[in-house]
mmCIF file of all heavy atoms, coordinates in Angstrom:
data_MODEL
# 
_entry.id   MODEL 
# 
loop_
_atom_site.group_PDB 
_atom_site.id 
_atom_site.type_symbol 
_atom_site.label_atom_id 
_atom_site.label_alt_id 
_atom_site.label_comp_id 
_atom_site.label_asym_id 
_atom_site.label_entity_id 
_atom_site.label_seq_id 
_atom_site.pdbx_PDB_ins_code 
_atom_site.Cartn_x 
_atom_site.Cartn_y 
_atom_site.Cartn_z 
_atom_site.occupancy 
_atom_site.B_iso_or_equiv 
_atom_site.pdbx_formal_charge 
_atom_site.auth_seq_id 
_atom_site.auth_comp_id 
_atom_site.auth_asym_id 
_atom_site.auth_atom_id 
_atom_site.pdbx_PDB_model_num 
ATOM 1   N N   . THR A 1 1  ? 80.670  96.490  97.336  1.00 0.00 ? 1  THR A N   1 
ATOM 2   C CA  . THR A 1 1  ? 79.931  95.423  98.008  1.00 0.00 ? 1  THR A CA  1 
ATOM 3   C C   . THR A 1 1  ? 79.636  95.716  99.472  1.00 0.00 ? 1  THR A C   1 
ATOM 4   O O   . THR A 1 1  ? 78.877  94.984  100.104 1.00 0.00 ? 1  THR A O   1 
ATOM 5   C CB  . THR A 1 1  ? 80.706  94.096  97.925  1.00 0.00 ? 1  THR A CB  1 
ATOM 6   O OG1 . THR A 1 1  ? 81.990  94.255  98.563  1.00 0.00 ? 1  THR A OG1 1 
ATOM 7   C CG2 . THR A 1 1  ? 80.910  93.672  96.482  1.00 0.00 ? 1  THR A CG2 1 
ATOM 8   N N   . GLY A 1 2  ? 80.244  96.766  100.032 1.00 0.00 ? 2  GLY A N   1 
ATOM 9   C CA  . GLY A 1 2  ? 80.006  97.071  101.434 1.00 0.00 ? 2  GLY A CA  1 
ATOM 10  C C   . GLY A 1 2  ? 80.787  98.275  101.894 1.00 0.00 ? 2  GLY A C   1 
ATOM 11  O O   . GLY A 1 2  ? 81.476  98.934  101.110 1.00 0.00 ? 2  GLY A O   1 
ATOM 12  N N   . GLN A 1 3  ? 80.674  98.556  103.164 1.00 0.00 ? 3  GLN A N   1 
ATOM 13  C CA  . GLN A 1 3  ? 81.422  99.651  103.777 1.00 0.00 ? 3  GLN A CA  1 
ATOM 14  C C   . GLN A 1 3  ? 81.660  99.332  105.243 1.00 0.00 ? 3  GLN A C   1 
ATOM 15  O O   . GLN A 1 3  ? 81.080  98.389  105.794 1.00 0.00 ? 3  GLN A O   1 
ATOM 16  C CB  . GLN A 1 3  ? 80.686  100.977 103.619 1.00 0.00 ? 3  GLN A CB  1 
ATOM 17  C CG  . GLN A 1 3  ? 79.300  101.028 104.208 1.00 0.00 ? 3  GLN A CG  1 
ATOM 18  C CD  . GLN A 1 3  ? 78.563  102.289 103.811 1.00 0.00 ? 3  GLN A CD  1 
ATOM 19  O OE1 . GLN A 1 3  ? 78.502  102.657 102.630 1.00 0.00 ? 3  GLN A OE1 1 
ATOM 20  N NE2 . GLN A 1 3  ? 77.989  102.967 104.800 1.00 0.00 ? 3  GLN A NE2 1 
ATOM 21  N N   . PHE A 1 4  ? 82.525  100.117 105.890 1.00 0.00 ? 4  PHE A N   1 
ATOM 22  C CA  . PHE A 1 4  ? 82.871  99.854  107.288 1.00 0.00 ? 4  PHE A CA  1 
ATOM 23  C C   . PHE A 1 4  ? 83.198  101.181 107.972 1.00 0.00 ? 4  PHE A C   1 
ATOM 24  O O   . PHE A 1 4  ? 83.588  102.156 107.315 1.00 0.00 ? 4  PHE A O   1 
ATOM 25  C CB  . PHE A 1 4  ? 84.068  98.892  107.372 1.00 0.00 ? 4  PHE A CB  1 
ATOM 26  C CG  . PHE A 1 4  ? 85.286  99.338  106.600 1.00 0.00 ? 4  PHE A CG  1 
ATOM 27  C CD1 . PHE A 1 4  ? 86.266  100.123 107.196 1.00 0.00 ? 4  PHE A CD1 1 
ATOM 28  C CD2 . PHE A 1 4  ? 85.450  98.972  105.277 1.00 0.00 ? 4  PHE A CD2 1 
ATOM 29  C CE1 . PHE A 1 4  ? 87.377  100.529 106.492 1.00 0.00 ? 4  PHE A CE1 1 
ATOM 30  C CE2 . PHE A 1 4  ? 86.568  99.377  104.547 1.00 0.00 ? 4  PHE A CE2 1 
ATOM 31  C CZ  . PHE A 1 4  ? 87.532  100.153 105.161 1.00 0.00 ? 4  PHE A CZ  1 
ATOM 32  N N   . PRO A 1 5  ? 83.046  101.229 109.299 1.00 0.00 ? 5  PRO A N   1 
ATOM 33  C CA  . PRO A 1 5  ? 83.328  102.473 110.021 1.00 0.00 ? 5  PRO A CA  1 
ATOM 34  C C   . PRO A 1 5  ? 84.818  102.646 110.297 1.00 0.00 ? 5  PRO A C   1 
ATOM 35  O O   . PRO A 1 5  ? 85.553  101.668 110.448 1.00 0.00 ? 5  PRO A O   1 
ATOM 36  C CB  . PRO A 1 5  ? 82.557  102.296 111.330 1.00 0.00 ? 5  PRO A CB  1 
ATOM 37  C CG  . PRO A 1 5  ? 82.565  100.813 111.552 1.00 0.00 ? 5  PRO A CG  1 
ATOM 38  C CD  . PRO A 1 5  ? 82.478  100.203 110.178 1.00 0.00 ? 5  PRO A CD  1 
ATOM 39  N N   . ILE A 1 6  ? 85.268  103.899 110.349 1.00 0.00 ? 6  ILE A N   1 
ATOM 40  C CA  . ILE A 1 6  ? 86.644  104.240 110.731 1.00 0.00 ? 6  ILE A CA  1 
ATOM 41  C C   . ILE A 1 6  ? 86.548  105.156 111.944 1.00 0.00 ? 6  ILE A C   1 
ATOM 42  O O   . ILE A 1 6  ? 85.959  106.238 111.862 1.00 0.00 ? 6  ILE A O   1 
ATOM 43  C CB  . ILE A 1 6  ? 87.397  104.950 109.590 1.00 0.00 ? 6  ILE A CB  1 
ATOM 44  C CG1 . ILE A 1 6  ? 87.426  104.066 108.337 1.00 0.00 ? 6  ILE A CG1 1 
ATOM 45  C CG2 . ILE A 1 6  ? 88.811  105.297 110.019 1.00 0.00 ? 6  ILE A CG2 1 
ATOM 46  C CD1 . ILE A 1 6  ? 88.002  104.752 107.123 1.00 0.00 ? 6  ILE A CD1 1 
ATOM 47  N N   . ALA A 1 7  ? 87.124  104.713 113.061 1.00 0.00 ? 7  ALA A N   1 
ATOM 48  C CA  . ALA A 1 7  ? 86.969  105.456 114.317 1.00 0.00 ? 7  ALA A CA  1 
ATOM 49  C C   . ALA A 1 7  ? 87.661  106.814 114.269 1.00 0.00 ? 7  ALA A C   1 
ATOM 50  O O   . ALA A 1 7  ? 87.119  107.810 114.752 1.00 0.00 ? 7  ALA A O   1 
ATOM 51  C CB  . ALA A 1 7  ? 87.504  104.631 115.482 1.00 0.00 ? 7  ALA A CB  1 
ATOM 52  N N   . LYS A 1 8  ? 88.862  106.862 113.698 1.00 0.00 ? 8  LYS A N   1 
ATOM 53  C CA  . LYS A 1 8  ? 89.622  108.112 113.647 1.00 0.00 ? 8  LYS A CA  1 
ATOM 54  C C   . LYS A 1 8  ? 89.702  108.570 112.189 1.00 0.00 ? 8  LYS A C   1 
ATOM 55  O O   . LYS A 1 8  ? 88.726  108.557 111.468 1.00 0.00 ? 8  LYS A O   1 
ATOM 56  C CB  . LYS A 1 8  ? 90.996  107.918 114.262 1.00 0.00 ? 8  LYS A CB  1 
ATOM 57  C CG  . LYS A 1 8  ? 90.967  107.583 115.758 1.00 0.00 ? 8  LYS A CG  1 
ATOM 58  C CD  . LYS A 1 8  ? 92.370  107.477 116.333 1.00 0.00 ? 8  LYS A CD  1 
ATOM 59  C CE  . LYS A 1 8  ? 92.325  107.175 117.819 1.00 0.00 ? 8  LYS A CE  1 
ATOM 60  N NZ  . LYS A 1 8  ? 93.693  107.046 118.405 1.00 0.00 ? 8  LYS A NZ  1 
ATOM 61  N N   . GLU A 1 9  ? 90.884  108.981 111.765 1.00 0.00 ? 9  GLU A N   1 
ATOM 62  C CA  . GLU A 1 9  ? 91.089  109.349 110.370 1.00 0.00 ? 9  GLU A CA  1 
ATOM 63  C C   . GLU A 1 9  ? 91.652  108.149 109.617 1.00 0.00 ? 9  GLU A C   1 
ATOM 64  O O   . GLU A 1 9  ? 92.376  107.328 110.179 1.00 0.00 ? 9  GLU A O   1 
ATOM 65  C CB  . GLU A 1 9  ? 92.048  110.538 110.257 1.00 0.00 ? 9  GLU A CB  1 
ATOM 66  C CG  . GLU A 1 9  ? 91.499  111.822 110.851 1.00 0.00 ? 9  GLU A CG  1 
ATOM 67  C CD  . GLU A 1 9  ? 92.482  112.984 110.729 1.00 0.00 ? 9  GLU A CD  1 
ATOM 68  O OE1 . GLU A 1 9  ? 93.633  112.751 110.285 1.00 0.00 ? 9  GLU A OE1 1 
ATOM 69  O OE2 . GLU A 1 9  ? 92.095  114.111 111.074 1.00 0.00 ? 9  GLU A OE2 1 
ATOM 70  N N   . GLY A 1 10 ? 91.353  108.058 108.333 1.00 0.00 ? 10 GLY A N   1 
ATOM 71  C CA  . GLY A 1 10 ? 91.926  107.021 107.493 1.00 0.00 ? 10 GLY A CA  1 
ATOM 72  C C   . GLY A 1 10 ? 93.102  107.566 106.705 1.00 0.00 ? 10 GLY A C   1 
ATOM 73  O O   . GLY A 1 10 ? 92.967  108.586 106.027 1.00 0.00 ? 10 GLY A O   1 
ATOM 74  N N   . TRP A 1 11 ? 94.252  106.893 106.771 1.00 0.00 ? 11 TRP A N   1 
ATOM 75  C CA  . TRP A 1 11 ? 95.435  107.346 106.042 1.00 0.00 ? 11 TRP A CA  1 
ATOM 76  C C   . TRP A 1 11 ? 95.946  106.249 105.094 1.00 0.00 ? 11 TRP A C   1 
ATOM 77  O O   . TRP A 1 11 ? 95.646  106.271 103.922 1.00 0.00 ? 11 TRP A O   1 
ATOM 78  C CB  . TRP A 1 11 ? 96.530  107.787 107.025 1.00 0.00 ? 11 TRP A CB  1 
ATOM 79  C CG  . TRP A 1 11 ? 96.247  109.098 107.704 1.00 0.00 ? 11 TRP A CG  1 
ATOM 80  C CD1 . TRP A 1 11 ? 95.069  109.507 108.267 1.00 0.00 ? 11 TRP A CD1 1 
ATOM 81  C CD2 . TRP A 1 11 ? 97.153  110.186 107.881 1.00 0.00 ? 11 TRP A CD2 1 
ATOM 82  N NE1 . TRP A 1 11 ? 95.191  110.763 108.799 1.00 0.00 ? 11 TRP A NE1 1 
ATOM 83  C CE2 . TRP A 1 11 ? 96.455  111.215 108.588 1.00 0.00 ? 11 TRP A CE2 1 
ATOM 84  C CE3 . TRP A 1 11 ? 98.478  110.403 107.547 1.00 0.00 ? 11 TRP A CE3 1 
ATOM 85  C CZ2 . TRP A 1 11 ? 97.056  112.431 108.928 1.00 0.00 ? 11 TRP A CZ2 1 
ATOM 86  C CZ3 . TRP A 1 11 ? 99.083  111.622 107.903 1.00 0.00 ? 11 TRP A CZ3 1 
ATOM 87  C CH2 . TRP A 1 11 ? 98.372  112.612 108.573 1.00 0.00 ? 11 TRP A CH2 1 
ATOM 88  N N   . GLY A 1 12 ? 96.702  105.271 105.612 1.00 0.00 ? 12 GLY A N   1 
ATOM 89  C CA  . GLY A 1 12 ? 97.293  104.265 104.739 1.00 0.00 ? 12 GLY A CA  1 
ATOM 90  C C   . GLY A 1 12 ? 96.850  102.856 105.077 1.00 0.00 ? 12 GLY A C   1 
ATOM 91  O O   . GLY A 1 12 ? 96.417  102.571 106.199 1.00 0.00 ? 12 GLY A O   1 
ATOM 92  N N   . LEU A 1 13 ? 96.979  101.953 104.085 1.00 0.00 ? 13 LEU A N   1 
ATOM 93  C CA  . LEU A 1 13 ? 96.641  100.547 104.258 1.00 0.00 ? 13 LEU A CA  1 
ATOM 94  C C   . LEU A 1 13 ? 97.717  99.664  103.638 1.00 0.00 ? 13 LEU A C   1 
ATOM 95  O O   . LEU A 1 13 ? 98.318  100.016 102.620 1.00 0.00 ? 13 LEU A O   1 
ATOM 96  C CB  . LEU A 1 13 ? 95.316  100.210 103.579 1.00 0.00 ? 13 LEU A CB  1 
ATOM 97  C CG  . LEU A 1 13 ? 94.009  100.682 104.216 1.00 0.00 ? 13 LEU A CG  1 
ATOM 98  C CD1 . LEU A 1 13 ? 92.836  100.297 103.314 1.00 0.00 ? 13 LEU A CD1 1 
ATOM 99  C CD2 . LEU A 1 13 ? 93.817  100.092 105.608 1.00 0.00 ? 13 LEU A CD2 1 
ATOM 100 N N   . THR A 1 14 ? 97.936  98.498  104.249 1.00 0.00 ? 14 THR A N   1 
ATOM 101 C CA  . THR A 1 14 ? 98.717  97.425  103.651 1.00 0.00 ? 14 THR A CA  1 
ATOM 102 C C   . THR A 1 14 ? 98.275  96.126  104.306 1.00 0.00 ? 14 THR A C   1 
ATOM 103 O O   . THR A 1 14 ? 97.367  96.114  105.139 1.00 0.00 ? 14 THR A O   1 
ATOM 104 C CB  . THR A 1 14 ? 100.236 97.656  103.798 1.00 0.00 ? 14 THR A CB  1 
ATOM 105 O OG1 . THR A 1 14 ? 100.955 96.728  102.963 1.00 0.00 ? 14 THR A OG1 1 
ATOM 106 C CG2 . THR A 1 14 ? 100.701 97.477  105.233 1.00 0.00 ? 14 THR A CG2 1 
ATOM 107 N N   . THR A 1 15 ? 98.928  95.021  103.945 1.00 0.00 ? 15 THR A N   1 
ATOM 108 C CA  . THR A 1 15 ? 98.607  93.742  104.569 1.00 0.00 ? 15 THR A CA  1 
ATOM 109 C C   . THR A 1 15 ? 99.865  92.898  104.703 1.00 0.00 ? 15 THR A C   1 
ATOM 110 O O   . THR A 1 15 ? 100.760 92.964  103.851 1.00 0.00 ? 15 THR A O   1 
ATOM 111 C CB  . THR A 1 15 ? 97.545  92.972  103.765 1.00 0.00 ? 15 THR A CB  1 
ATOM 112 O OG1 . THR A 1 15 ? 97.284  91.713  104.393 1.00 0.00 ? 15 THR A OG1 1 
ATOM 113 C CG2 . THR A 1 15 ? 98.000  92.720  102.337 1.00 0.00 ? 15 THR A CG2 1 
ATOM 114 N N   . ASP A 1 16 ? 99.912  92.112  105.774 1.00 0.00 ? 16 ASP A N   1 
ATOM 115 C CA  . ASP A 1 16 ? 100.988 91.141  105.958 1.00 0.00 ? 16 ASP A CA  1 
ATOM 116 C C   . ASP A 1 16 ? 100.544 89.756  105.517 1.00 0.00 ? 16 ASP A C   1 
ATOM 117 O O   . ASP A 1 16 ? 101.245 88.770  105.729 1.00 0.00 ? 16 ASP A O   1 
ATOM 118 C CB  . ASP A 1 16 ? 101.455 91.116  107.415 1.00 0.00 ? 16 ASP A CB  1 
ATOM 119 C CG  . ASP A 1 16 ? 100.341 90.736  108.389 1.00 0.00 ? 16 ASP A CG  1 
ATOM 120 O OD1 . ASP A 1 16 ? 99.206  90.450  107.943 1.00 0.00 ? 16 ASP A OD1 1 
ATOM 121 O OD2 . ASP A 1 16 ? 100.600 90.736  109.615 1.00 0.00 ? 16 ASP A OD2 1 
ATOM 122 N N   . GLY A 1 17 ? 99.375  89.674  104.893 1.00 0.00 ? 17 GLY A N   1 
ATOM 123 C CA  . GLY A 1 17 ? 98.829  88.409  104.438 1.00 0.00 ? 17 GLY A CA  1 
ATOM 124 C C   . GLY A 1 17 ? 97.841  87.796  105.405 1.00 0.00 ? 17 GLY A C   1 
ATOM 125 O O   . GLY A 1 17 ? 97.017  86.964  105.017 1.00 0.00 ? 17 GLY A O   1 
ATOM 126 N N   . ALA A 1 18 ? 97.908  88.212  106.671 1.00 0.00 ? 18 ALA A N   1 
ATOM 127 C CA  . ALA A 1 18 ? 96.991  87.694  107.688 1.00 0.00 ? 18 ALA A CA  1 
ATOM 128 C C   . ALA A 1 18 ? 96.011  88.753  108.154 1.00 0.00 ? 18 ALA A C   1 
ATOM 129 O O   . ALA A 1 18 ? 94.859  88.460  108.461 1.00 0.00 ? 18 ALA A O   1 
ATOM 130 C CB  . ALA A 1 18 ? 97.779  87.155  108.881 1.00 0.00 ? 18 ALA A CB  1 
ATOM 131 N N   . SER A 1 19 ? 96.474  89.994  108.226 1.00 0.00 ? 19 SER A N   1 
ATOM 132 C CA  . SER A 1 19 ? 95.652  91.108  108.692 1.00 0.00 ? 19 SER A CA  1 
ATOM 133 C C   . SER A 1 19 ? 95.798  92.289  107.757 1.00 0.00 ? 19 SER A C   1 
ATOM 134 O O   . SER A 1 19 ? 96.780  92.405  107.016 1.00 0.00 ? 19 SER A O   1 
ATOM 135 C CB  . SER A 1 19 ? 96.069  91.549  110.102 1.00 0.00 ? 19 SER A CB  1 
ATOM 136 O OG  . SER A 1 19 ? 95.942  90.511  111.041 1.00 0.00 ? 19 SER A OG  1 
ATOM 137 N N   . ILE A 1 20 ? 94.834  93.183  107.808 1.00 0.00 ? 20 ILE A N   1 
ATOM 138 C CA  . ILE A 1 20 ? 94.961  94.492  107.186 1.00 0.00 ? 20 ILE A CA  1 
ATOM 139 C C   . ILE A 1 20 ? 95.626  95.405  108.210 1.00 0.00 ? 20 ILE A C   1 
ATOM 140 O O   . ILE A 1 20 ? 95.292  95.370  109.400 1.00 0.00 ? 20 ILE A O   1 
ATOM 141 C CB  . ILE A 1 20 ? 93.583  95.048  106.778 1.00 0.00 ? 20 ILE A CB  1 
ATOM 142 C CG1 . ILE A 1 20 ? 92.986  94.191  105.657 1.00 0.00 ? 20 ILE A CG1 1 
ATOM 143 C CG2 . ILE A 1 20 ? 93.688  96.499  106.336 1.00 0.00 ? 20 ILE A CG2 1 
ATOM 144 C CD1 . ILE A 1 20 ? 91.570  94.558  105.287 1.00 0.00 ? 20 ILE A CD1 1 
ATOM 145 N N   . ILE A 1 21 ? 96.585  96.199  107.768 1.00 0.00 ? 21 ILE A N   1 
ATOM 146 C CA  . ILE A 1 21 ? 97.302  97.115  108.657 1.00 0.00 ? 21 ILE A CA  1 
ATOM 147 C C   . ILE A 1 21 ? 96.969  98.535  108.225 1.00 0.00 ? 21 ILE A C   1 
ATOM 148 O O   . ILE A 1 21 ? 97.082  98.874  107.045 1.00 0.00 ? 21 ILE A O   1 
ATOM 149 C CB  . ILE A 1 21 ? 98.820  96.868  108.611 1.00 0.00 ? 21 ILE A CB  1 
ATOM 150 C CG1 . ILE A 1 21 ? 99.123  95.391  108.921 1.00 0.00 ? 21 ILE A CG1 1 
ATOM 151 C CG2 . ILE A 1 21 ? 99.546  97.783  109.592 1.00 0.00 ? 21 ILE A CG2 1 
ATOM 152 C CD1 . ILE A 1 21 ? 100.570 95.000  108.682 1.00 0.00 ? 21 ILE A CD1 1 
ATOM 153 N N   . MET A 1 22 ? 96.558  99.369  109.181 1.00 0.00 ? 22 MET A N   1 
ATOM 154 C CA  . MET A 1 22 ? 96.072  100.714 108.873 1.00 0.00 ? 22 MET A CA  1 
ATOM 155 C C   . MET A 1 22 ? 96.823  101.770 109.678 1.00 0.00 ? 22 MET A C   1 
ATOM 156 O O   . MET A 1 22 ? 97.113  101.589 110.861 1.00 0.00 ? 22 MET A O   1 
ATOM 157 C CB  . MET A 1 22 ? 94.576  100.800 109.188 1.00 0.00 ? 22 MET A CB  1 
ATOM 158 C CG  . MET A 1 22 ? 93.957  102.161 108.903 1.00 0.00 ? 22 MET A CG  1 
ATOM 159 S SD  . MET A 1 22 ? 92.163  102.210 109.227 1.00 0.00 ? 22 MET A SD  1 
ATOM 160 C CE  . MET A 1 22 ? 92.146  102.157 111.019 1.00 0.00 ? 22 MET A CE  1 
ATOM 161 N N   . SER A 1 23 ? 97.109  102.894 109.035 1.00 0.00 ? 23 SER A N   1 
ATOM 162 C CA  . SER A 1 23 ? 97.669  104.058 109.730 1.00 0.00 ? 23 SER A CA  1 
ATOM 163 C C   . SER A 1 23 ? 96.606  105.144 109.816 1.00 0.00 ? 23 SER A C   1 
ATOM 164 O O   . SER A 1 23 ? 95.687  105.199 108.997 1.00 0.00 ? 23 SER A O   1 
ATOM 165 C CB  . SER A 1 23 ? 98.905  104.595 108.997 1.00 0.00 ? 23 SER A CB  1 
ATOM 166 O OG  . SER A 1 23 ? 98.550  105.101 107.720 1.00 0.00 ? 23 SER A OG  1 
ATOM 167 N N   . ASP A 1 24 ? 96.754  106.015 110.813 1.00 0.00 ? 24 ASP A N   1 
ATOM 168 C CA  . ASP A 1 24 ? 95.798  107.116 110.977 1.00 0.00 ? 24 ASP A CA  1 
ATOM 169 C C   . ASP A 1 24 ? 96.491  108.445 111.233 1.00 0.00 ? 24 ASP A C   1 
ATOM 170 O O   . ASP A 1 24 ? 95.897  109.385 111.748 1.00 0.00 ? 24 ASP A O   1 
ATOM 171 C CB  . ASP A 1 24 ? 94.802  106.814 112.093 1.00 0.00 ? 24 ASP A CB  1 
ATOM 172 C CG  . ASP A 1 24 ? 95.472  106.525 113.438 1.00 0.00 ? 24 ASP A CG  1 
ATOM 173 O OD1 . ASP A 1 24 ? 96.669  106.865 113.599 1.00 0.00 ? 24 ASP A OD1 1 
ATOM 174 O OD2 . ASP A 1 24 ? 94.805  105.965 114.326 1.00 0.00 ? 24 ASP A OD2 1 
# 
């Protein structure tokens, strides 16, 4: 349904229920 930019490298994702949390 869509896409989004990643400024650096994309590694891992999770969520705390309020936000998406990303590692690079």
